């Protein structure tokens, strides 16, 4: 599927024994990041203690 001209794939993601959550994952073959999951406390998705800041679209092409 495409959203704002960017390709996404639908997936079920398991979050620390909280079951499977449906997510739309951005496909970015030029990215150095394996996966981006944004915080959503209402779904039980929180930023872990071990993390780092990154910027989507920050580089020569974006």
PDB file of N, CA and C in Angstrom:
ATOM      1  N   UNK A   1       0.843  -1.167   0.000  1.00  0.00           N
ATOM      2  CA  UNK A   1       0.000   0.000   0.000  1.00  0.00           C
ATOM      3  C   UNK A   1       0.889   1.231   0.000  1.00  0.00           C
ATOM      4  N   UNK A   2       0.364   2.342  -0.479  1.00  0.00           N
ATOM      5  CA  UNK A   2       1.101   3.596  -0.498  1.00  0.00           C
ATOM      6  C   UNK A   2       0.365   4.638   0.336  1.00  0.00           C
ATOM      7  N   UNK A   3       1.119   5.451   1.077  1.00  0.00           N
ATOM      8  CA  UNK A   3       0.571   6.567   1.844  1.00  0.00           C
ATOM      9  C   UNK A   3       1.487   7.765   1.615  1.00  0.00           C
ATOM     10  N   UNK A   4       0.926   8.841   1.090  1.00  0.00           N
ATOM     11  CA  UNK A   4       1.712  10.034   0.745  1.00  0.00           C
ATOM     12  C   UNK A   4       2.899   9.670  -0.151  1.00  0.00           C
ATOM     13  N   UNK A   5       2.632   8.822  -1.140  1.00  0.00           N
ATOM     14  CA  UNK A   5       3.623   8.374  -2.128  1.00  0.00           C
ATOM     15  C   UNK A   5       4.773   7.573  -1.530  1.00  0.00           C
ATOM     16  N   UNK A   6       4.586   6.985  -0.352  1.00  0.00           N
ATOM     17  CA  UNK A   6       5.626   6.149   0.266  1.00  0.00           C
ATOM     18  C   UNK A   6       5.078   4.737   0.448  1.00  0.00           C
ATOM     19  N   UNK A   7       5.919   3.701   0.165  1.00  0.00           N
ATOM     20  CA  UNK A   7       5.442   2.320   0.257  1.00  0.00           C
ATOM     21  C   UNK A   7       5.443   1.798   1.699  1.00  0.00           C
ATOM     22  N   UNK A   8       4.355   1.141   2.065  1.00  0.00           N
ATOM     23  CA  UNK A   8       4.209   0.527   3.381  1.00  0.00           C
ATOM     24  C   UNK A   8       3.792  -0.923   3.213  1.00  0.00           C
ATOM     25  N   UNK A   9       4.078  -1.723   4.236  1.00  0.00           N
ATOM     26  CA  UNK A   9       3.618  -3.106   4.275  1.00  0.00           C
ATOM     27  C   UNK A   9       2.868  -3.308   5.585  1.00  0.00           C
ATOM     28  N   UNK A  10       1.778  -4.034   5.532  1.00  0.00           N
ATOM     29  CA  UNK A  10       1.007  -4.336   6.732  1.00  0.00           C
ATOM     30  C   UNK A  10       1.629  -5.554   7.409  1.00  0.00           C
ATOM     31  N   UNK A  11       1.770  -5.491   8.752  1.00  0.00           N
ATOM     32  CA  UNK A  11       2.390  -6.594   9.485  1.00  0.00           C
ATOM     33  C   UNK A  11       1.778  -6.712  10.869  1.00  0.00           C
ATOM     34  N   UNK A  12       1.890  -7.890  11.458  1.00  0.00           N
ATOM     35  CA  UNK A  12       1.528  -8.097  12.860  1.00  0.00           C
ATOM     36  C   UNK A  12       2.822  -8.130  13.652  1.00  0.00           C
ATOM     37  N   UNK A  13       2.935  -7.273  14.671  1.00  0.00           N
ATOM     38  CA  UNK A  13       4.160  -7.153  15.451  1.00  0.00           C
ATOM     39  C   UNK A  13       3.873  -7.543  16.889  1.00  0.00           C
ATOM     40  N   UNK A  14       4.723  -8.401  17.463  1.00  0.00           N
ATOM     41  CA  UNK A  14       4.595  -8.822  18.850  1.00  0.00           C
ATOM     42  C   UNK A  14       5.406  -7.872  19.731  1.00  0.00           C
ATOM     43  N   UNK A  15       4.756  -7.294  20.744  1.00  0.00           N
ATOM     44  CA  UNK A  15       5.411  -6.368  21.659  1.00  0.00           C
ATOM     45  C   UNK A  15       5.434  -6.986  23.059  1.00  0.00           C
ATOM     46  N   UNK A  16       6.585  -7.465  23.484  1.00  0.00           N
ATOM     47  CA  UNK A  16       6.830  -7.995  24.829  1.00  0.00           C
ATOM     48  C   UNK A  16       5.621  -8.670  25.480  1.00  0.00           C
ATOM     49  N   UNK A  17       5.176  -9.747  24.906  1.00  0.00           N
ATOM     50  CA  UNK A  17       4.084 -10.553  25.462  1.00  0.00           C
ATOM     51  C   UNK A  17       2.771  -9.794  25.602  1.00  0.00           C
ATOM     52  N   UNK A  18       2.561  -8.747  24.830  1.00  0.00           N
ATOM     53  CA  UNK A  18       1.305  -8.003  24.867  1.00  0.00           C
ATOM     54  C   UNK A  18       0.412  -8.394  23.698  1.00  0.00           C
ATOM     55  N   UNK A  19       0.770  -9.466  23.033  1.00  0.00           N
ATOM     56  CA  UNK A  19       0.003  -9.904  21.882  1.00  0.00           C
ATOM     57  C   UNK A  19       0.547  -9.318  20.599  1.00  0.00           C
ATOM     58  N   UNK A  20      -0.194  -9.538  19.531  1.00  0.00           N
ATOM     59  CA  UNK A  20       0.207  -9.031  18.225  1.00  0.00           C
ATOM     60  C   UNK A  20      -0.589  -7.772  17.906  1.00  0.00           C
ATOM     61  N   UNK A  21       0.106  -6.747  17.408  1.00  0.00           N
ATOM     62  CA  UNK A  21      -0.530  -5.489  17.025  1.00  0.00           C
ATOM     63  C   UNK A  21      -0.378  -5.296  15.520  1.00  0.00           C
ATOM     64  N   UNK A  22      -1.465  -4.927  14.819  1.00  0.00           N
ATOM     65  CA  UNK A  22      -1.343  -4.647  13.392  1.00  0.00           C
ATOM     66  C   UNK A  22      -0.633  -3.307  13.200  1.00  0.00           C
ATOM     67  N   UNK A  23       0.349  -3.263  12.301  1.00  0.00           N
ATOM     68  CA  UNK A  23       1.088  -2.037  12.027  1.00  0.00           C
ATOM     69  C   UNK A  23       1.335  -1.897  10.540  1.00  0.00           C
ATOM     70  N   UNK A  24       1.467  -0.651  10.121  1.00  0.00           N
ATOM     71  CA  UNK A  24       1.882  -0.333   8.754  1.00  0.00           C
ATOM     72  C   UNK A  24       3.345   0.079   8.832  1.00  0.00           C
ATOM     73  N   UNK A  25       4.238  -0.683   8.195  1.00  0.00           N
ATOM     74  CA  UNK A  25       5.674  -0.439   8.266  1.00  0.00           C
ATOM     75  C   UNK A  25       6.172   0.187   6.969  1.00  0.00           C
ATOM     76  N   UNK A  26       6.922   1.279   7.096  1.00  0.00           N
ATOM     77  CA  UNK A  26       7.484   1.975   5.942  1.00  0.00           C
ATOM     78  C   UNK A  26       8.615   1.152   5.337  1.00  0.00           C
ATOM     79  N   UNK A  27       8.574   0.967   4.037  1.00  0.00           N
ATOM     80  CA  UNK A  27       9.638   0.265   3.314  1.00  0.00           C
ATOM     81  C   UNK A  27      10.615   1.323   2.812  1.00  0.00           C
ATOM     82  N   UNK A  28      11.860   1.265   3.279  1.00  0.00           N
ATOM     83  CA  UNK A  28      12.869   2.247   2.874  1.00  0.00           C
ATOM     84  C   UNK A  28      14.174   1.509   2.644  1.00  0.00           C
ATOM     85  N   UNK A  29      14.432   1.131   1.400  1.00  0.00           N
ATOM     86  CA  UNK A  29      15.615   0.321   1.101  1.00  0.00           C
ATOM     87  C   UNK A  29      16.913   1.093   1.270  1.00  0.00           C
ATOM     88  N   UNK A  30      16.860   2.426   1.329  1.00  0.00           N
ATOM     89  CA  UNK A  30      18.070   3.216   1.500  1.00  0.00           C
ATOM     90  C   UNK A  30      18.331   3.589   2.946  1.00  0.00           C
ATOM     91  N   UNK A  31      17.486   3.150   3.846  1.00  0.00           N
ATOM     92  CA  UNK A  31      17.603   3.520   5.259  1.00  0.00           C
ATOM     93  C   UNK A  31      18.630   2.662   5.981  1.00  0.00           C
ATOM     94  N   UNK A  32      19.322   3.264   6.926  1.00  0.00           N
ATOM     95  CA  UNK A  32      20.255   2.514   7.766  1.00  0.00           C
ATOM     96  C   UNK A  32      19.566   1.931   8.982  1.00  0.00           C
ATOM     97  N   UNK A  33      18.279   2.248   9.158  1.00  0.00           N
ATOM     98  CA  UNK A  33      17.514   1.746  10.303  1.00  0.00           C
ATOM     99  C   UNK A  33      16.755   0.489   9.892  1.00  0.00           C
ATOM    100  N   UNK A  34      16.777  -0.487  10.768  1.00  0.00           N
ATOM    101  CA  UNK A  34      16.079  -1.735  10.460  1.00  0.00           C
ATOM    102  C   UNK A  34      14.570  -1.566  10.563  1.00  0.00           C
ATOM    103  N   UNK A  35      14.104  -0.793  11.556  1.00  0.00           N
ATOM    104  CA  UNK A  35      12.669  -0.693  11.800  1.00  0.00           C
ATOM    105  C   UNK A  35      12.385   0.521  12.671  1.00  0.00           C
ATOM    106  N   UNK A  36      11.344   1.249  12.343  1.00  0.00           N
ATOM    107  CA  UNK A  36      10.876   2.363  13.178  1.00  0.00           C
ATOM    108  C   UNK A  36       9.497   1.998  13.702  1.00  0.00           C
ATOM    109  N   UNK A  37       9.338   2.037  15.012  1.00  0.00           N
ATOM    110  CA  UNK A  37       8.026   1.883  15.637  1.00  0.00           C
ATOM    111  C   UNK A  37       7.849   3.099  16.539  1.00  0.00           C
ATOM    112  N   UNK A  38       6.785   3.853  16.314  1.00  0.00           N
ATOM    113  CA  UNK A  38       6.563   5.060  17.088  1.00  0.00           C
ATOM    114  C   UNK A  38       5.794   4.761  18.370  1.00  0.00           C
ATOM    115  N   UNK A  39       6.068   5.555  19.388  1.00  0.00           N
ATOM    116  CA  UNK A  39       5.434   5.383  20.696  1.00  0.00           C
ATOM    117  C   UNK A  39       3.921   5.529  20.584  1.00  0.00           C
ATOM    118  N   UNK A  40       3.207   4.625  21.246  1.00  0.00           N
ATOM    119  CA  UNK A  40       1.744   4.658  21.317  1.00  0.00           C
ATOM    120  C   UNK A  40       1.339   4.036  22.648  1.00  0.00           C
ATOM    121  N   UNK A  41       1.414   4.804  23.753  1.00  0.00           N
ATOM    122  CA  UNK A  41       1.117   4.247  25.080  1.00  0.00           C
ATOM    123  C   UNK A  41      -0.255   3.577  25.177  1.00  0.00           C
ATOM    124  N   UNK A  42      -1.240   4.085  24.442  1.00  0.00           N
ATOM    125  CA  UNK A  42      -2.572   3.478  24.474  1.00  0.00           C
ATOM    126  C   UNK A  42      -2.576   2.066  23.911  1.00  0.00           C
ATOM    127  N   UNK A  43      -1.569   1.727  23.091  1.00  0.00           N
ATOM    128  CA  UNK A  43      -1.433   0.367  22.547  1.00  0.00           C
ATOM    129  C   UNK A  43      -0.384  -0.445  23.305  1.00  0.00           C
ATOM    130  N   UNK A  44       0.234   0.161  24.328  1.00  0.00           N
ATOM    131  CA  UNK A  44       1.275  -0.529  25.081  1.00  0.00           C
ATOM    132  C   UNK A  44       2.646  -0.429  24.447  1.00  0.00           C
ATOM    133  N   UNK A  45       2.826   0.489  23.498  1.00  0.00           N
ATOM    134  CA  UNK A  45       4.112   0.670  22.838  1.00  0.00           C
ATOM    135  C   UNK A  45       4.793   1.889  23.449  1.00  0.00           C
ATOM    136  N   UNK A  46       5.874   1.653  24.188  1.00  0.00           N
ATOM    137  CA  UNK A  46       6.583   2.735  24.859  1.00  0.00           C
ATOM    138  C   UNK A  46       8.053   2.713  24.469  1.00  0.00           C
ATOM    139  N   UNK A  47       8.712   3.853  24.578  1.00  0.00           N
ATOM    140  CA  UNK A  47      10.131   3.948  24.235  1.00  0.00           C
ATOM    141  C   UNK A  47      10.947   3.219  25.295  1.00  0.00           C
ATOM    142  N   UNK A  48      11.791   2.248  24.899  1.00  0.00           N
ATOM    143  CA  UNK A  48      12.607   1.532  25.890  1.00  0.00           C
ATOM    144  C   UNK A  48      13.717   2.430  26.441  1.00  0.00           C
ATOM    145  N   UNK A  49      14.257   2.050  27.585  1.00  0.00           N
ATOM    146  CA  UNK A  49      15.345   2.814  28.195  1.00  0.00           C
ATOM    147  C   UNK A  49      16.537   2.918  27.255  1.00  0.00           C
ATOM    148  N   UNK A  50      16.814   1.830  26.542  1.00  0.00           N
ATOM    149  CA  UNK A  50      17.935   1.805  25.602  1.00  0.00           C
ATOM    150  C   UNK A  50      17.420   2.221  24.229  1.00  0.00           C
ATOM    151  N   UNK A  51      17.677   3.479  23.819  1.00  0.00           N
ATOM    152  CA  UNK A  51      17.196   3.991  22.545  1.00  0.00           C
ATOM    153  C   UNK A  51      18.116   5.099  22.056  1.00  0.00           C
ATOM    154  N   UNK A  52      17.865   5.590  20.842  1.00  0.00           N
ATOM    155  CA  UNK A  52      18.599   6.733  20.317  1.00  0.00           C
ATOM    156  C   UNK A  52      17.672   7.531  19.407  1.00  0.00           C
ATOM    157  N   UNK A  53      17.934   8.833  19.269  1.00  0.00           N
ATOM    158  CA  UNK A  53      17.136   9.682  18.388  1.00  0.00           C
ATOM    159  C   UNK A  53      17.633   9.545  16.957  1.00  0.00           C
ATOM    160  N   UNK A  54      16.706   9.575  16.022  1.00  0.00           N
ATOM    161  CA  UNK A  54      17.030   9.504  14.610  1.00  0.00           C
ATOM    162  C   UNK A  54      16.029  10.396  13.870  1.00  0.00           C
ATOM    163  N   UNK A  55      16.288  10.673  12.603  1.00  0.00           N
ATOM    164  CA  UNK A  55      15.429  11.556  11.839  1.00  0.00           C
ATOM    165  C   UNK A  55      15.032  10.886  10.542  1.00  0.00           C
ATOM    166  N   UNK A  56      13.734  10.753  10.309  1.00  0.00           N
ATOM    167  CA  UNK A  56      13.224  10.191   9.071  1.00  0.00           C
ATOM    168  C   UNK A  56      13.356  11.223   7.969  1.00  0.00           C
ATOM    169  N   UNK A  57      14.001  10.849   6.868  1.00  0.00           N
ATOM    170  CA  UNK A  57      14.160  11.751   5.738  1.00  0.00           C
ATOM    171  C   UNK A  57      15.258  12.771   5.907  1.00  0.00           C
ATOM    172  N   UNK A  58      16.208  12.508   6.783  1.00  0.00           N
ATOM    173  CA  UNK A  58      17.296  13.435   7.038  1.00  0.00           C
ATOM    174  C   UNK A  58      18.546  12.893   6.350  1.00  0.00           C
ATOM    175  N   UNK A  59      18.901  13.460   5.232  1.00  0.00           N
ATOM    176  CA  UNK A  59      20.066  12.979   4.505  1.00  0.00           C
ATOM    177  C   UNK A  59      20.142  13.654   3.139  1.00  0.00           C
ATOM    178  N   UNK A  60      20.971  13.121   2.284  1.00  0.00           N
ATOM    179  CA  UNK A  60      21.200  13.754   0.976  1.00  0.00           C
ATOM    180  C   UNK A  60      19.941  13.768   0.118  1.00  0.00           C
ATOM    181  N   UNK A  61      19.162  12.694   0.184  1.00  0.00           N
ATOM    182  CA  UNK A  61      17.974  12.612  -0.657  1.00  0.00           C
ATOM    183  C   UNK A  61      16.715  13.097   0.021  1.00  0.00           C
ATOM    184  N   UNK A  62      16.720  13.315   1.322  1.00  0.00           N
ATOM    185  CA  UNK A  62      15.479  13.663   2.000  1.00  0.00           C
ATOM    186  C   UNK A  62      15.627  14.729   2.985  1.00  0.00           C
TER     187      UNK A  62
END
